[in-house]
Amino acid sequence: MRMLLYPRHTLPTAVAPVLVASALAWQAGVFAVGPALAALLAGWLVQLGGVFTDNYFNLRRHPDDREHATFVLALAQGVITLVELRRAILGCYAVAMAVGLYLVGVGGLPALLIGLAAIGASLVYSAGPYPLGDHGLGDPLFFVFFGIVSVVGAYYVQAAAVLSDAWPLWPPVGSLPAVALWASLPVAALTTNILVIDNIRDLDYDRSKGETTLAVLLGRRGSLVEYALLSALAYAVPLGLWRWGGFGAAVLLPLATLPYAALVVWWVLRARDPQALVPMTPQAGQVLLAHSVLFAIGLAL
C-alpha cells in the first residue's frame, strides 16, 4: 500500500530538465557528471516534497478529499499518518538541501538562490495562508520553476563546475547561452500539461471546495485550449531552433513523439468523466520524457 503513495510522475518531471540541460552542456563542452546527477537528485526530492506537501495540506483541510483518494484510504487503514507524512516532507527537503550543499560548492550563490527558490515554489503551491495552486497561479509556477529554472539551473551548475576559474563568484552577463532558455520551454510546457490534466479532472470538485485553480478560472474549454497551446509550444521550439538557432536536423527528433502526443491531446479532449482523465496524467509524463530524451539527443549532436 505504501508503494502506491509514491507519486510516479515526479521522476519524468525531474529527469527531463536535467537531460535537456546536460545535452546543452555537452554541446557547449561544459558537461559535468557530478553536478548533473546532483541536480537530478535535488530536483526530484524537491518535487517529491512538494507533492507530499500538497497531499498533507489537502488532507488536513479536506480529510475525505477524493483528489487524494489513495492517501485518504491509507490514512483510514492506518498505513500512514499525517505525522509520518510530515516527516516524509521534512526528509525530502533535508536530503535535497544536503545535496544542495555540494551544488553550492560548485555553483556558489546562484546555486543557493536557485535551490531556495525551488524549495519555496514547491511549498507555496499548496502551503501557507495563500497557496498559489488554489488561486490560479499553479500553472505559471510549474512552467517557471519546474521547467525554465530547472533546465537553466542544471545547465548552470555544470558550466560552473567546468568554468570555476572563469566564474569565481557569479557568471558574467551573457555567459549563459540564450538557447538554454529556449530549450527549457518544451520541458516547461509539457510539465505544466501534467498539472493541467489534473486540474481539468478535479475542476468541479475544486470549485465546490472554493479552490480557484486556473482550470476553475478558465473553465473546461479554456483549459483544453491551454493544454493544446502548451503542446504546440513544445513542438514549435525544436522547429525554431532548427530554422533559426543554428542546430542541425537532429534537433527535430522530438517530432517523432508528435503522433502519441496528439493522441493524448485527443483523449483529453474527448474525456467527459473525471475518471477517464486519471490515466492521462502518466501518459502526459510519458510524452514529456520521450520528447526530452529525443530533444536531448538532437541538441547534443
Protein backbone atom coordinates (compact mmCIF):
# COMPACT_ATOMS: atom_id res chain seq x y z
CA MET A 1 0.00 0.00 0.00
CA ARG A 2 2.82 2.40 0.87
CA MET A 3 4.30 1.88 -2.60
CA LEU A 4 1.06 3.21 -4.10
CA LEU A 5 1.66 6.51 -2.28
CA TYR A 6 4.79 7.19 -4.32
CA PRO A 7 3.97 9.84 -6.97
CA ARG A 8 5.47 8.23 -10.08
CA HIS A 9 5.00 11.30 -12.26
CA THR A 10 7.75 13.11 -10.31
CA LEU A 11 10.51 11.05 -11.94
CA PRO A 12 9.87 12.18 -15.56
CA THR A 13 9.46 15.79 -14.43
CA ALA A 14 12.79 15.60 -12.58
CA VAL A 15 14.71 13.72 -15.30
CA ALA A 16 13.51 15.78 -18.27
CA PRO A 17 15.11 19.16 -17.41
CA VAL A 18 18.45 17.57 -16.47
CA LEU A 19 18.53 15.59 -19.73
CA VAL A 20 17.98 18.74 -21.80
CA ALA A 21 20.42 20.80 -19.73
CA SER A 22 23.10 18.09 -19.91
CA ALA A 23 22.71 17.88 -23.69
CA LEU A 24 23.25 21.62 -23.96
CA ALA A 25 26.25 21.37 -21.63
CA TRP A 26 27.69 18.55 -23.75
CA GLN A 27 27.22 20.57 -26.92
CA ALA A 28 28.97 23.57 -25.27
CA GLY A 29 31.81 21.46 -23.86
CA VAL A 30 30.87 22.03 -20.21
CA PHE A 31 29.15 18.73 -19.35
CA ALA A 32 29.88 17.56 -15.80
CA VAL A 33 28.52 14.27 -14.45
CA GLY A 34 28.62 15.10 -10.73
CA PRO A 35 26.65 18.34 -10.85
CA ALA A 36 24.18 16.83 -13.35
CA LEU A 37 23.41 13.87 -11.07
CA ALA A 38 23.23 16.13 -8.01
CA ALA A 39 20.82 18.47 -9.81
CA LEU A 40 18.68 15.46 -10.77
CA LEU A 41 18.55 14.12 -7.21
CA ALA A 42 17.93 17.50 -5.61
CA GLY A 43 15.25 18.40 -8.16
CA TRP A 44 13.47 15.08 -7.73
CA LEU A 45 13.48 15.37 -3.93
CA VAL A 46 12.12 18.93 -4.06
CA GLN A 47 9.30 17.81 -6.33
CA LEU A 48 8.61 14.78 -4.14
CA GLY A 49 8.50 17.04 -1.09
CA GLY A 50 6.13 19.35 -2.93
CA VAL A 51 3.74 16.50 -3.81
CA PHE A 52 3.73 15.24 -0.21
CA THR A 53 3.14 18.81 1.00
CA ASP A 54 0.18 19.16 -1.36
CA ASN A 55 -1.30 15.91 -0.05
CA TYR A 56 -0.64 16.86 3.57
CA PHE A 57 -2.36 20.24 3.45
CA ASN A 58 -5.23 18.97 1.31
CA LEU A 59 -5.89 16.13 3.73
CA ARG A 60 -5.78 18.49 6.71
CA ARG A 61 -8.31 20.80 5.07
CA HIS A 62 -10.41 18.05 3.45
CA PRO A 63 -9.97 14.65 5.21
CA ASP A 64 -12.18 12.90 2.65
CA ASP A 65 -10.58 14.63 -0.35
CA ARG A 66 -11.35 12.49 -3.41
CA GLU A 67 -8.47 14.16 -5.30
CA HIS A 68 -6.13 12.23 -2.99
CA ALA A 69 -8.15 9.03 -2.62
CA THR A 70 -5.10 6.78 -2.17
CA PHE A 71 -3.82 8.86 0.74
CA VAL A 72 -7.34 9.06 2.25
CA LEU A 73 -7.57 5.26 2.16
CA ALA A 74 -4.05 4.87 3.56
CA LEU A 75 -4.91 7.19 6.46
CA ALA A 76 -8.18 5.36 7.14
CA GLN A 77 -6.40 1.99 7.20
CA GLY A 78 -3.56 3.28 9.36
CA VAL A 79 -0.96 2.60 6.68
CA ILE A 80 0.34 6.14 7.14
CA THR A 81 -0.41 9.04 9.45
CA LEU A 82 -0.28 12.79 8.93
CA VAL A 83 2.70 12.87 11.31
CA GLU A 84 4.57 10.38 9.11
CA LEU A 85 3.62 12.35 6.01
CA ARG A 86 5.02 15.50 7.60
CA ARG A 87 8.23 13.62 8.41
CA ALA A 88 8.45 12.49 4.76
CA ILE A 89 8.16 16.13 3.66
CA LEU A 90 10.91 17.23 6.02
CA GLY A 91 13.07 14.28 4.98
CA CYS A 92 12.76 15.11 1.28
CA TYR A 93 13.71 18.74 1.80
CA ALA A 94 16.51 17.88 4.26
CA VAL A 95 18.20 15.46 1.84
CA ALA A 96 17.64 17.90 -1.04
CA MET A 97 19.40 20.63 0.94
CA ALA A 98 22.25 18.26 1.82
CA VAL A 99 22.74 17.54 -1.88
CA GLY A 100 22.36 21.26 -2.50
CA LEU A 101 25.42 21.97 -0.34
CA TYR A 102 27.51 20.21 -2.98
CA LEU A 103 25.87 22.26 -5.72
CA VAL A 104 26.50 25.47 -3.77
CA GLY A 105 30.15 24.45 -3.50
CA VAL A 106 30.17 24.07 -7.28
CA GLY A 107 27.99 26.99 -8.31
CA GLY A 108 28.21 29.44 -5.42
CA LEU A 109 25.49 31.95 -4.56
CA PRO A 110 23.42 31.48 -7.76
CA ALA A 111 23.09 27.75 -6.98
CA LEU A 112 21.97 28.61 -3.44
CA LEU A 113 19.37 31.07 -4.71
CA ILE A 114 18.06 28.59 -7.29
CA GLY A 115 17.76 25.85 -4.67
CA LEU A 116 15.98 28.03 -2.13
CA ALA A 117 13.62 29.38 -4.79
CA ALA A 118 12.76 25.85 -5.94
CA ILE A 119 12.00 24.68 -2.41
CA GLY A 120 9.95 27.80 -1.80
CA ALA A 121 7.98 27.26 -5.01
CA SER A 122 7.20 23.64 -4.15
CA LEU A 123 5.94 24.74 -0.74
CA VAL A 124 3.85 27.79 -1.64
CA TYR A 125 2.00 25.81 -4.31
CA SER A 126 -0.15 24.26 -1.58
CA ALA A 127 1.08 25.55 1.79
CA GLY A 128 0.71 28.79 3.68
CA PRO A 129 -2.13 31.22 4.08
CA TYR A 130 -2.26 31.83 0.31
CA PRO A 131 -1.47 28.56 -1.54
CA LEU A 132 -0.75 29.61 -5.11
CA GLY A 133 -2.21 26.45 -6.62
CA ASP A 134 -5.59 27.32 -5.11
CA HIS A 135 -5.51 30.86 -6.52
CA GLY A 136 -4.93 30.29 -10.22
CA LEU A 137 -1.14 30.51 -10.07
CA GLY A 138 -0.17 26.84 -10.06
CA ASP A 139 0.31 26.60 -13.83
CA PRO A 140 2.71 29.57 -14.17
CA LEU A 141 4.55 28.32 -11.07
CA PHE A 142 5.09 24.91 -12.70
CA PHE A 143 6.07 26.48 -16.02
CA VAL A 144 8.70 28.76 -14.49
CA PHE A 145 10.24 26.64 -11.72
CA PHE A 146 9.86 23.05 -12.91
CA GLY A 147 10.64 23.98 -16.50
CA ILE A 148 12.71 27.11 -17.09
CA VAL A 149 14.52 27.32 -13.74
CA SER A 150 15.17 23.56 -13.65
CA VAL A 151 16.79 23.47 -17.10
CA VAL A 152 18.78 26.70 -16.76
CA GLY A 153 19.83 25.78 -13.21
CA ALA A 154 21.01 22.29 -14.21
CA TYR A 155 23.00 23.80 -17.09
CA TYR A 156 24.48 26.48 -14.83
CA VAL A 157 25.89 24.11 -12.18
CA GLN A 158 27.59 22.03 -14.86
CA ALA A 159 29.07 25.06 -16.58
CA ALA A 160 30.15 26.48 -13.21
CA ALA A 161 31.98 23.25 -12.37
CA VAL A 162 33.96 23.40 -15.62
CA LEU A 163 34.42 27.17 -15.69
CA SER A 164 35.09 27.70 -11.98
CA ASP A 165 38.22 29.76 -12.70
CA ALA A 166 36.33 31.96 -15.15
CA TRP A 167 33.31 32.31 -12.82
CA PRO A 168 34.85 32.83 -9.36
CA LEU A 169 31.68 34.22 -7.71
CA TRP A 170 28.98 34.89 -10.29
CA PRO A 171 28.58 34.14 -14.01
CA PRO A 172 29.29 37.23 -16.11
CA VAL A 173 26.42 38.72 -18.08
CA GLY A 174 25.98 36.88 -21.36
CA SER A 175 27.89 33.78 -20.30
CA LEU A 176 24.75 31.65 -20.05
CA PRO A 177 23.55 30.93 -23.60
CA ALA A 178 20.11 32.11 -24.66
CA VAL A 179 19.50 28.65 -26.12
CA ALA A 180 19.24 27.31 -22.54
CA LEU A 181 16.15 29.47 -22.07
CA TRP A 182 14.64 28.43 -25.41
CA ALA A 183 15.38 24.76 -24.79
CA SER A 184 13.67 24.94 -21.40
CA LEU A 185 10.31 25.89 -22.92
CA PRO A 186 9.25 22.40 -24.14
CA VAL A 187 10.08 20.96 -20.71
CA ALA A 188 8.13 23.77 -19.06
CA ALA A 189 5.13 23.32 -21.37
CA LEU A 190 4.88 19.54 -21.12
CA THR A 191 5.44 19.55 -17.35
CA THR A 192 2.66 22.10 -16.93
CA ASN A 193 0.39 19.92 -19.05
CA ILE A 194 0.54 17.23 -16.36
CA LEU A 195 -0.93 19.73 -13.90
CA VAL A 196 -3.49 20.94 -16.46
CA ILE A 197 -4.88 17.40 -16.79
CA ASP A 198 -5.15 17.04 -13.02
CA ASN A 199 -6.91 20.39 -12.74
CA ILE A 200 -9.38 19.57 -15.53
CA ARG A 201 -10.12 16.25 -13.83
CA ASP A 202 -10.78 17.93 -10.47
CA LEU A 203 -12.42 21.08 -11.82
CA ASP A 204 -15.90 20.55 -10.38
CA TYR A 205 -14.61 19.28 -7.05
CA ASP A 206 -12.16 22.19 -6.69
CA ARG A 207 -14.98 24.61 -7.46
CA SER A 208 -17.16 23.01 -4.77
CA LYS A 209 -14.33 23.41 -2.24
CA GLY A 210 -13.86 27.07 -3.13
CA GLU A 211 -10.41 26.48 -4.60
CA THR A 212 -9.68 28.65 -7.65
CA THR A 213 -7.26 26.71 -9.83
CA LEU A 214 -6.56 28.08 -13.28
CA ALA A 215 -8.94 25.43 -14.64
CA VAL A 216 -11.71 26.86 -12.46
CA LEU A 217 -10.96 30.32 -13.83
CA LEU A 218 -10.71 29.24 -17.47
CA GLY A 219 -13.35 26.54 -17.42
CA ARG A 220 -13.04 23.17 -19.13
CA ARG A 221 -12.92 24.60 -22.65
CA GLY A 222 -10.32 27.23 -21.79
CA SER A 223 -8.17 24.63 -20.02
CA LEU A 224 -8.32 22.36 -23.06
CA VAL A 225 -7.14 25.28 -25.19
CA GLU A 226 -4.31 25.85 -22.69
CA TYR A 227 -3.32 22.18 -22.95
CA ALA A 228 -3.32 22.28 -26.75
CA LEU A 229 -1.29 25.52 -26.85
CA LEU A 230 1.31 24.20 -24.42
CA SER A 231 1.63 21.04 -26.52
CA ALA A 232 2.06 23.16 -29.66
CA LEU A 233 4.80 25.22 -27.96
CA ALA A 234 6.72 22.06 -27.08
CA TYR A 235 6.90 21.07 -30.74
CA ALA A 236 7.38 24.56 -32.16
CA VAL A 237 10.64 25.15 -30.23
CA PRO A 238 12.65 22.37 -31.97
CA LEU A 239 11.44 23.70 -35.30
CA GLY A 240 12.57 27.20 -34.31
CA LEU A 241 15.98 26.00 -33.16
CA TRP A 242 16.45 24.15 -36.45
CA ARG A 243 15.31 27.08 -38.56
CA TRP A 244 16.91 29.98 -36.68
CA GLY A 245 19.05 28.55 -33.86
CA GLY A 246 21.87 27.02 -35.87
CA PHE A 247 21.09 23.41 -34.95
CA GLY A 248 21.04 20.57 -37.44
CA ALA A 249 18.08 18.42 -38.43
CA ALA A 250 18.71 16.12 -35.43
CA VAL A 251 17.06 18.72 -33.19
CA LEU A 252 13.79 17.76 -34.91
CA LEU A 253 13.87 14.27 -33.35
CA PRO A 254 11.17 15.16 -30.76
CA LEU A 255 8.70 15.44 -33.63
CA ALA A 256 8.75 11.61 -33.69
CA THR A 257 6.67 11.74 -30.49
CA LEU A 258 4.08 14.03 -32.07
CA PRO A 259 1.64 11.24 -33.03
CA TYR A 260 1.49 9.95 -29.45
CA ALA A 261 1.27 13.49 -28.05
CA ALA A 262 -1.58 14.24 -30.46
CA LEU A 263 -3.31 11.05 -29.39
CA VAL A 264 -3.08 12.08 -25.73
CA VAL A 265 -4.47 15.52 -26.63
CA TRP A 266 -7.35 13.79 -28.44
CA TRP A 267 -8.05 11.56 -25.41
CA VAL A 268 -8.02 14.59 -23.11
CA LEU A 269 -10.38 16.49 -25.41
CA ARG A 270 -12.82 13.56 -25.59
CA ALA A 271 -12.78 12.66 -21.89
CA ARG A 272 -16.06 13.61 -20.22
CA ASP A 273 -15.82 11.69 -16.96
CA PRO A 274 -13.14 12.70 -14.41
CA GLN A 275 -12.09 9.06 -14.03
CA ALA A 276 -11.31 8.90 -17.75
CA LEU A 277 -8.60 11.52 -17.16
CA VAL A 278 -6.82 9.56 -14.41
CA PRO A 279 -4.59 7.56 -16.83
CA MET A 280 -3.90 10.72 -18.83
CA THR A 281 -1.52 12.06 -16.14
CA PRO A 282 1.10 9.28 -16.51
CA GLN A 283 0.63 9.38 -20.28
CA ALA A 284 1.40 13.12 -20.29
CA GLY A 285 4.51 12.25 -18.25
CA GLN A 286 5.48 9.72 -20.93
CA VAL A 287 5.13 12.40 -23.61
CA LEU A 288 7.37 14.71 -21.55
CA LEU A 289 10.05 12.07 -21.04
CA ALA A 290 10.04 10.80 -24.64
CA HIS A 291 10.16 14.34 -26.04
CA SER A 292 13.00 15.30 -23.67
CA VAL A 293 15.10 12.21 -24.46
CA LEU A 294 14.92 12.84 -28.20
CA PHE A 295 15.34 16.58 -27.74
CA ALA A 296 18.47 15.99 -25.68
CA ILE A 297 19.90 13.72 -28.36
CA GLY A 298 19.17 16.28 -31.04
CA LEU A 299 20.74 19.13 -29.04
CA ALA A 300 23.88 17.14 -28.26
CA LEU A 301 24.59 16.03 -31.83
